[in-house]
C-alpha cells in the first residue's frame, strides 16, 4: 500500500523537482506537472482533493489505454481527462516498487533531456 507520503518522498528524490503548494501534492519538473493529487469534481459540489488517488502523466493515449485496460483495478480515468495523457492511480492498492516505477517514468517523460540525463 502506497501513500501520499510515498509519492512525496519519491518525487522529491528526482532531480529538479519542485513541489507546488496545494491541498494535496503536486510535483513539477521544468514547470511541467508529472504527478499530483486527484481533484475530484462532482456536479453541484466543490472539488475534493483526493490524496489517495494520484494523477500521473503517461505520455500518450496508447500508454494510457494500455494501463487502463491492462490493470483496471489500479488505474482509472474520468471524462474530464478524455484526450489527455493522464491516468488516475489508486494508491491504497499499489505497492511502493510499482509506484516508484510509475513516478519515475512520469518524471522522465516531462523532464527536458538535459535534466533527465542526471538520473542516469
N, C-alpha and C. Protein backbone atom coordinates (compact mmCIF):
# COMPACT_ATOMS: atom_id res chain seq x y z
N UNK A 1 0.83 -1.19 0.00
CA UNK A 1 0.00 0.00 0.00
C UNK A 1 0.87 1.25 0.00
N UNK A 2 0.60 2.14 -0.95
CA UNK A 2 1.35 3.38 -1.04
C UNK A 2 0.51 4.54 -0.51
N UNK A 3 1.18 5.61 -0.16
CA UNK A 3 0.52 6.79 0.40
C UNK A 3 1.02 8.06 -0.27
N UNK A 4 0.38 9.17 0.08
CA UNK A 4 0.84 10.47 -0.39
C UNK A 4 2.26 10.75 0.08
N UNK A 5 2.62 10.27 1.26
CA UNK A 5 4.00 10.45 1.75
C UNK A 5 5.00 9.71 0.86
N UNK A 6 4.62 8.53 0.35
CA UNK A 6 5.49 7.80 -0.58
C UNK A 6 5.67 8.59 -1.87
N UNK A 7 4.58 9.15 -2.39
CA UNK A 7 4.66 9.99 -3.60
C UNK A 7 5.62 11.15 -3.35
N UNK A 8 5.46 11.82 -2.24
CA UNK A 8 6.29 12.99 -1.92
C UNK A 8 7.77 12.57 -1.84
N UNK A 9 8.05 11.50 -1.13
CA UNK A 9 9.43 11.03 -0.99
C UNK A 9 10.03 10.68 -2.35
N UNK A 10 9.28 9.94 -3.17
CA UNK A 10 9.77 9.53 -4.49
C UNK A 10 9.98 10.72 -5.41
N UNK A 11 8.99 11.59 -5.49
CA UNK A 11 9.08 12.74 -6.39
C UNK A 11 10.24 13.65 -6.01
N UNK A 12 10.38 13.93 -4.73
CA UNK A 12 11.43 14.84 -4.30
C UNK A 12 12.83 14.24 -4.39
N UNK A 13 12.91 12.93 -4.59
CA UNK A 13 14.22 12.29 -4.77
C UNK A 13 14.73 12.44 -6.20
N UNK A 14 13.89 12.90 -7.10
CA UNK A 14 14.26 13.06 -8.51
C UNK A 14 14.84 14.45 -8.74
N UNK A 15 15.79 14.59 -9.69
CA UNK A 15 16.43 15.88 -9.93
C UNK A 15 15.46 16.98 -10.37
N UNK A 16 15.67 18.17 -9.84
CA UNK A 16 14.99 19.40 -10.25
C UNK A 16 13.48 19.38 -10.05
N UNK A 17 13.01 18.61 -9.10
CA UNK A 17 11.57 18.56 -8.83
C UNK A 17 11.21 19.66 -7.84
N UNK A 18 10.07 20.28 -8.12
CA UNK A 18 9.53 21.33 -7.25
C UNK A 18 8.14 20.88 -6.82
N UNK A 19 7.85 21.07 -5.54
CA UNK A 19 6.50 20.80 -5.06
C UNK A 19 5.73 22.12 -5.06
N UNK A 20 4.58 22.10 -5.69
CA UNK A 20 3.70 23.27 -5.76
C UNK A 20 2.78 23.24 -4.54
N UNK A 21 2.56 24.39 -3.95
CA UNK A 21 1.66 24.48 -2.80
C UNK A 21 0.26 24.06 -3.21
N UNK A 22 -0.31 23.10 -2.51
CA UNK A 22 -1.66 22.63 -2.82
C UNK A 22 -2.25 21.97 -1.57
N UNK A 23 -3.52 21.63 -1.65
CA UNK A 23 -4.16 20.93 -0.53
C UNK A 23 -3.75 19.48 -0.46
N UNK A 24 -3.15 18.97 -1.51
CA UNK A 24 -2.68 17.59 -1.55
C UNK A 24 -1.20 17.57 -1.87
N UNK A 25 -0.87 16.99 -3.02
CA UNK A 25 0.51 17.00 -3.52
C UNK A 25 0.47 17.39 -4.99
N UNK A 26 1.54 18.03 -5.46
CA UNK A 26 1.61 18.50 -6.84
C UNK A 26 3.08 18.71 -7.16
N UNK A 27 3.63 17.88 -8.06
CA UNK A 27 5.05 17.92 -8.36
C UNK A 27 5.30 18.25 -9.82
N UNK A 28 6.31 19.09 -10.04
CA UNK A 28 6.67 19.56 -11.37
C UNK A 28 8.17 19.40 -11.59
N UNK A 29 8.52 19.23 -12.86
CA UNK A 29 9.91 19.30 -13.28
C UNK A 29 9.92 20.21 -14.51
N UNK A 30 10.81 21.20 -14.50
CA UNK A 30 10.87 22.20 -15.58
C UNK A 30 9.49 22.81 -15.83
N UNK A 31 8.77 23.07 -14.75
CA UNK A 31 7.44 23.70 -14.78
C UNK A 31 6.38 22.83 -15.45
N UNK A 32 6.62 21.53 -15.53
CA UNK A 32 5.67 20.59 -16.13
C UNK A 32 5.23 19.59 -15.07
N UNK A 33 3.92 19.50 -14.85
CA UNK A 33 3.40 18.55 -13.88
C UNK A 33 3.61 17.11 -14.31
N UNK A 34 3.97 16.25 -13.36
CA UNK A 34 4.11 14.83 -13.68
C UNK A 34 3.34 13.94 -12.72
N UNK A 35 3.06 14.40 -11.51
CA UNK A 35 2.21 13.65 -10.59
C UNK A 35 1.58 14.63 -9.60
N UNK A 36 0.27 14.48 -9.37
CA UNK A 36 -0.43 15.35 -8.42
C UNK A 36 -1.64 14.62 -7.87
N UNK A 37 -2.18 15.15 -6.79
CA UNK A 37 -3.36 14.53 -6.18
C UNK A 37 -4.59 14.85 -7.03
N UNK A 38 -5.50 13.92 -7.03
CA UNK A 38 -6.68 13.99 -7.89
C UNK A 38 -7.71 14.98 -7.37
N UNK A 39 -8.04 16.01 -8.16
CA UNK A 39 -9.08 16.95 -7.76
C UNK A 39 -10.45 16.43 -8.22
N UNK A 40 -11.07 15.64 -7.39
CA UNK A 40 -12.36 15.03 -7.76
C UNK A 40 -13.45 16.09 -7.83
N UNK A 41 -14.21 16.05 -8.90
CA UNK A 41 -15.29 17.01 -9.10
C UNK A 41 -16.60 16.26 -9.29
N UNK A 42 -17.58 16.63 -8.51
CA UNK A 42 -18.92 16.10 -8.68
C UNK A 42 -19.84 17.27 -9.00
N UNK A 43 -20.73 17.10 -9.97
CA UNK A 43 -21.63 18.20 -10.33
C UNK A 43 -22.35 18.78 -9.12
N UNK A 44 -22.32 20.10 -9.04
CA UNK A 44 -23.03 20.79 -7.96
C UNK A 44 -22.31 20.82 -6.63
N UNK A 45 -21.10 20.26 -6.58
CA UNK A 45 -20.34 20.23 -5.33
C UNK A 45 -18.96 20.84 -5.56
N UNK A 46 -18.34 21.30 -4.47
CA UNK A 46 -16.96 21.79 -4.55
C UNK A 46 -16.03 20.62 -4.81
N UNK A 47 -14.92 20.90 -5.48
CA UNK A 47 -13.97 19.82 -5.73
C UNK A 47 -13.34 19.36 -4.42
N UNK A 48 -12.96 18.11 -4.39
CA UNK A 48 -12.34 17.49 -3.23
C UNK A 48 -10.98 16.96 -3.67
N UNK A 49 -9.94 17.38 -2.98
CA UNK A 49 -8.60 16.89 -3.30
C UNK A 49 -8.42 15.52 -2.68
N UNK A 50 -8.20 14.52 -3.52
CA UNK A 50 -8.06 13.13 -3.07
C UNK A 50 -6.58 12.77 -3.00
N UNK A 51 -6.04 12.63 -1.82
CA UNK A 51 -4.63 12.25 -1.68
C UNK A 51 -4.44 10.73 -1.70
N UNK A 52 -5.54 9.98 -1.84
CA UNK A 52 -5.43 8.53 -2.01
C UNK A 52 -5.44 8.14 -3.49
N UNK A 53 -5.53 9.14 -4.37
CA UNK A 53 -5.51 8.92 -5.81
C UNK A 53 -4.51 9.90 -6.42
N UNK A 54 -3.58 9.37 -7.20
CA UNK A 54 -2.60 10.21 -7.88
C UNK A 54 -2.94 10.30 -9.35
N UNK A 55 -2.78 11.50 -9.91
CA UNK A 55 -2.88 11.70 -11.35
C UNK A 55 -1.45 11.63 -11.88
N UNK A 56 -1.24 10.76 -12.87
CA UNK A 56 0.08 10.56 -13.44
C UNK A 56 0.10 10.92 -14.92
N UNK A 57 1.14 11.60 -15.34
CA UNK A 57 1.38 11.85 -16.75
C UNK A 57 1.91 10.56 -17.36
N UNK A 58 1.31 10.13 -18.48
CA UNK A 58 1.73 8.86 -19.09
C UNK A 58 2.26 8.99 -20.51
N UNK A 59 2.30 10.19 -21.05
CA UNK A 59 2.95 10.38 -22.34
C UNK A 59 2.03 10.44 -23.54
N UNK A 60 1.19 9.42 -23.73
CA UNK A 60 0.31 9.43 -24.89
C UNK A 60 -0.91 8.54 -24.66
N UNK A 61 -1.85 8.61 -25.59
CA UNK A 61 -3.10 7.87 -25.47
C UNK A 61 -2.89 6.37 -25.49
N UNK A 62 -1.91 5.90 -26.27
CA UNK A 62 -1.64 4.45 -26.34
C UNK A 62 -1.22 3.91 -24.98
N UNK A 63 -0.32 4.62 -24.31
CA UNK A 63 0.12 4.19 -22.98
C UNK A 63 -1.03 4.27 -21.98
N UNK A 64 -1.81 5.32 -22.08
CA UNK A 64 -2.97 5.48 -21.21
C UNK A 64 -3.91 4.28 -21.35
N UNK A 65 -4.25 3.94 -22.57
CA UNK A 65 -5.17 2.82 -22.81
C UNK A 65 -4.57 1.49 -22.36
N UNK A 66 -3.27 1.31 -22.56
CA UNK A 66 -2.60 0.08 -22.12
C UNK A 66 -2.72 -0.09 -20.61
N UNK A 67 -2.50 0.99 -19.87
CA UNK A 67 -2.61 0.92 -18.41
C UNK A 67 -4.05 0.69 -17.97
N UNK A 68 -4.98 1.42 -18.57
CA UNK A 68 -6.39 1.29 -18.19
C UNK A 68 -6.93 -0.11 -18.47
N UNK A 69 -6.58 -0.66 -19.62
CA UNK A 69 -7.06 -1.99 -20.00
C UNK A 69 -6.29 -3.11 -19.31
N UNK A 70 -4.99 -2.90 -19.11
CA UNK A 70 -4.15 -3.93 -18.53
C UNK A 70 -4.27 -4.08 -17.02
N UNK A 71 -4.55 -2.98 -16.32
CA UNK A 71 -4.64 -3.01 -14.87
C UNK A 71 -5.81 -2.15 -14.39
N UNK A 72 -7.04 -2.54 -14.74
CA UNK A 72 -8.20 -1.71 -14.41
C UNK A 72 -8.47 -1.57 -12.91
N UNK A 73 -7.93 -2.47 -12.11
CA UNK A 73 -8.09 -2.32 -10.65
C UNK A 73 -7.21 -1.21 -10.11
N UNK A 74 -6.10 -0.93 -10.79
CA UNK A 74 -5.12 0.06 -10.34
C UNK A 74 -5.36 1.45 -10.94
N UNK A 75 -5.74 1.48 -12.22
CA UNK A 75 -5.86 2.74 -12.96
C UNK A 75 -7.29 3.00 -13.38
N UNK A 76 -7.65 4.29 -13.43
CA UNK A 76 -8.94 4.68 -13.98
C UNK A 76 -8.81 6.07 -14.58
N UNK A 77 -9.87 6.52 -15.22
CA UNK A 77 -9.92 7.86 -15.78
C UNK A 77 -11.34 8.38 -15.62
N UNK A 78 -11.52 9.64 -15.94
CA UNK A 78 -12.84 10.26 -15.90
C UNK A 78 -13.01 11.07 -17.18
N UNK A 79 -14.24 11.43 -17.53
CA UNK A 79 -14.46 12.20 -18.76
C UNK A 79 -13.66 13.51 -18.81
N UNK A 80 -13.38 14.11 -17.67
CA UNK A 80 -12.59 15.33 -17.64
C UNK A 80 -11.17 15.16 -18.14
N UNK A 81 -10.69 13.93 -18.19
CA UNK A 81 -9.34 13.64 -18.66
C UNK A 81 -9.32 13.02 -20.05
N UNK A 82 -10.49 12.97 -20.71
CA UNK A 82 -10.54 12.43 -22.08
C UNK A 82 -9.61 13.23 -22.98
N UNK A 83 -8.83 12.51 -23.77
CA UNK A 83 -7.92 13.16 -24.71
C UNK A 83 -6.64 13.66 -24.10
N UNK A 84 -6.47 13.48 -22.80
CA UNK A 84 -5.24 13.91 -22.13
C UNK A 84 -4.42 12.69 -21.74
N UNK A 85 -3.09 12.78 -21.79
CA UNK A 85 -2.24 11.64 -21.46
C UNK A 85 -2.05 11.48 -19.94
N UNK A 86 -3.17 11.31 -19.25
CA UNK A 86 -3.18 11.23 -17.79
C UNK A 86 -4.05 10.07 -17.34
N UNK A 87 -3.61 9.39 -16.28
CA UNK A 87 -4.42 8.35 -15.64
C UNK A 87 -4.44 8.62 -14.15
N UNK A 88 -5.46 8.07 -13.50
CA UNK A 88 -5.54 8.14 -12.06
C UNK A 88 -5.12 6.79 -11.51
N UNK A 89 -4.36 6.83 -10.42
CA UNK A 89 -3.79 5.65 -9.79
C UNK A 89 -4.32 5.55 -8.37
N UNK A 90 -4.89 4.39 -8.04
CA UNK A 90 -5.39 4.14 -6.68
C UNK A 90 -4.22 3.76 -5.78
N UNK A 91 -3.81 4.69 -4.93
CA UNK A 91 -2.63 4.46 -4.08
C UNK A 91 -2.79 3.32 -3.08
N UNK A 92 -3.97 3.10 -2.47
CA UNK A 92 -4.06 2.03 -1.46
C UNK A 92 -3.79 0.63 -2.01
N UNK A 93 -3.84 0.45 -3.34
CA UNK A 93 -3.62 -0.91 -3.85
C UNK A 93 -2.35 -1.05 -4.70
N UNK A 94 -1.52 -0.01 -4.74
CA UNK A 94 -0.27 -0.13 -5.47
C UNK A 94 0.87 -0.29 -4.46
N UNK A 95 1.83 -1.16 -4.80
CA UNK A 95 2.98 -1.29 -3.90
C UNK A 95 4.02 -0.24 -4.24
N UNK A 96 4.92 -0.01 -3.32
CA UNK A 96 5.88 1.09 -3.46
C UNK A 96 6.84 0.85 -4.62
N UNK A 97 7.18 -0.39 -4.90
CA UNK A 97 8.07 -0.68 -6.04
C UNK A 97 7.42 -0.25 -7.36
N UNK A 98 6.17 -0.60 -7.54
CA UNK A 98 5.44 -0.22 -8.76
C UNK A 98 5.24 1.30 -8.79
N UNK A 99 4.94 1.89 -7.66
CA UNK A 99 4.78 3.34 -7.59
C UNK A 99 6.08 4.05 -7.99
N UNK A 100 7.20 3.53 -7.54
CA UNK A 100 8.50 4.11 -7.89
C UNK A 100 8.68 4.11 -9.40
N UNK A 101 8.36 3.00 -10.04
CA UNK A 101 8.47 2.88 -11.50
C UNK A 101 7.56 3.90 -12.19
N UNK A 102 6.32 4.00 -11.74
CA UNK A 102 5.35 4.90 -12.38
C UNK A 102 5.73 6.37 -12.22
N UNK A 103 6.13 6.77 -11.01
CA UNK A 103 6.51 8.17 -10.77
C UNK A 103 7.78 8.51 -11.55
N UNK A 104 8.74 7.61 -11.56
CA UNK A 104 9.98 7.86 -12.30
C UNK A 104 9.72 7.96 -13.80
N UNK A 105 8.87 7.08 -14.34
CA UNK A 105 8.52 7.15 -15.76
C UNK A 105 7.82 8.47 -16.09
N UNK A 106 6.89 8.89 -15.24
CA UNK A 106 6.19 10.16 -15.47
C UNK A 106 7.19 11.32 -15.46
N UNK A 107 8.12 11.30 -14.51
CA UNK A 107 9.16 12.33 -14.43
C UNK A 107 10.00 12.34 -15.70
N UNK A 108 10.44 11.15 -16.15
CA UNK A 108 11.28 11.05 -17.36
C UNK A 108 10.58 11.65 -18.58
N UNK A 109 9.28 11.43 -18.69
CA UNK A 109 8.54 11.94 -19.85
C UNK A 109 8.37 13.45 -19.81
N UNK A 110 8.45 14.06 -18.66
CA UNK A 110 8.25 15.50 -18.53
C UNK A 110 9.55 16.28 -18.41
N UNK A 111 10.63 15.63 -17.98
CA UNK A 111 11.90 16.33 -17.79
C UNK A 111 12.59 16.58 -19.13
N UNK A 112 13.14 17.77 -19.31
CA UNK A 112 13.95 18.02 -20.51
C UNK A 112 15.14 17.06 -20.53
N UNK A 113 15.63 16.75 -21.72
CA UNK A 113 16.68 15.73 -21.86
C UNK A 113 17.93 16.05 -21.04
N UNK A 114 18.28 17.33 -20.90
CA UNK A 114 19.49 17.66 -20.13
C UNK A 114 19.30 17.36 -18.64
N UNK A 115 18.08 17.45 -18.16
CA UNK A 115 17.79 17.11 -16.76
C UNK A 115 17.66 15.61 -16.61
N UNK A 116 16.97 14.97 -17.55
CA UNK A 116 16.77 13.52 -17.49
C UNK A 116 18.09 12.78 -17.43
N UNK A 117 19.11 13.29 -18.12
CA UNK A 117 20.42 12.62 -18.14
C UNK A 117 21.05 12.59 -16.74
N UNK A 118 20.63 13.47 -15.85
CA UNK A 118 21.17 13.48 -14.49
C UNK A 118 20.74 12.26 -13.69
N UNK A 119 19.61 11.65 -14.10
CA UNK A 119 19.13 10.46 -13.38
C UNK A 119 19.94 9.24 -13.74
N UNK A 120 20.49 9.24 -14.92
CA UNK A 120 21.34 8.11 -15.34
C UNK A 120 20.64 7.05 -16.10
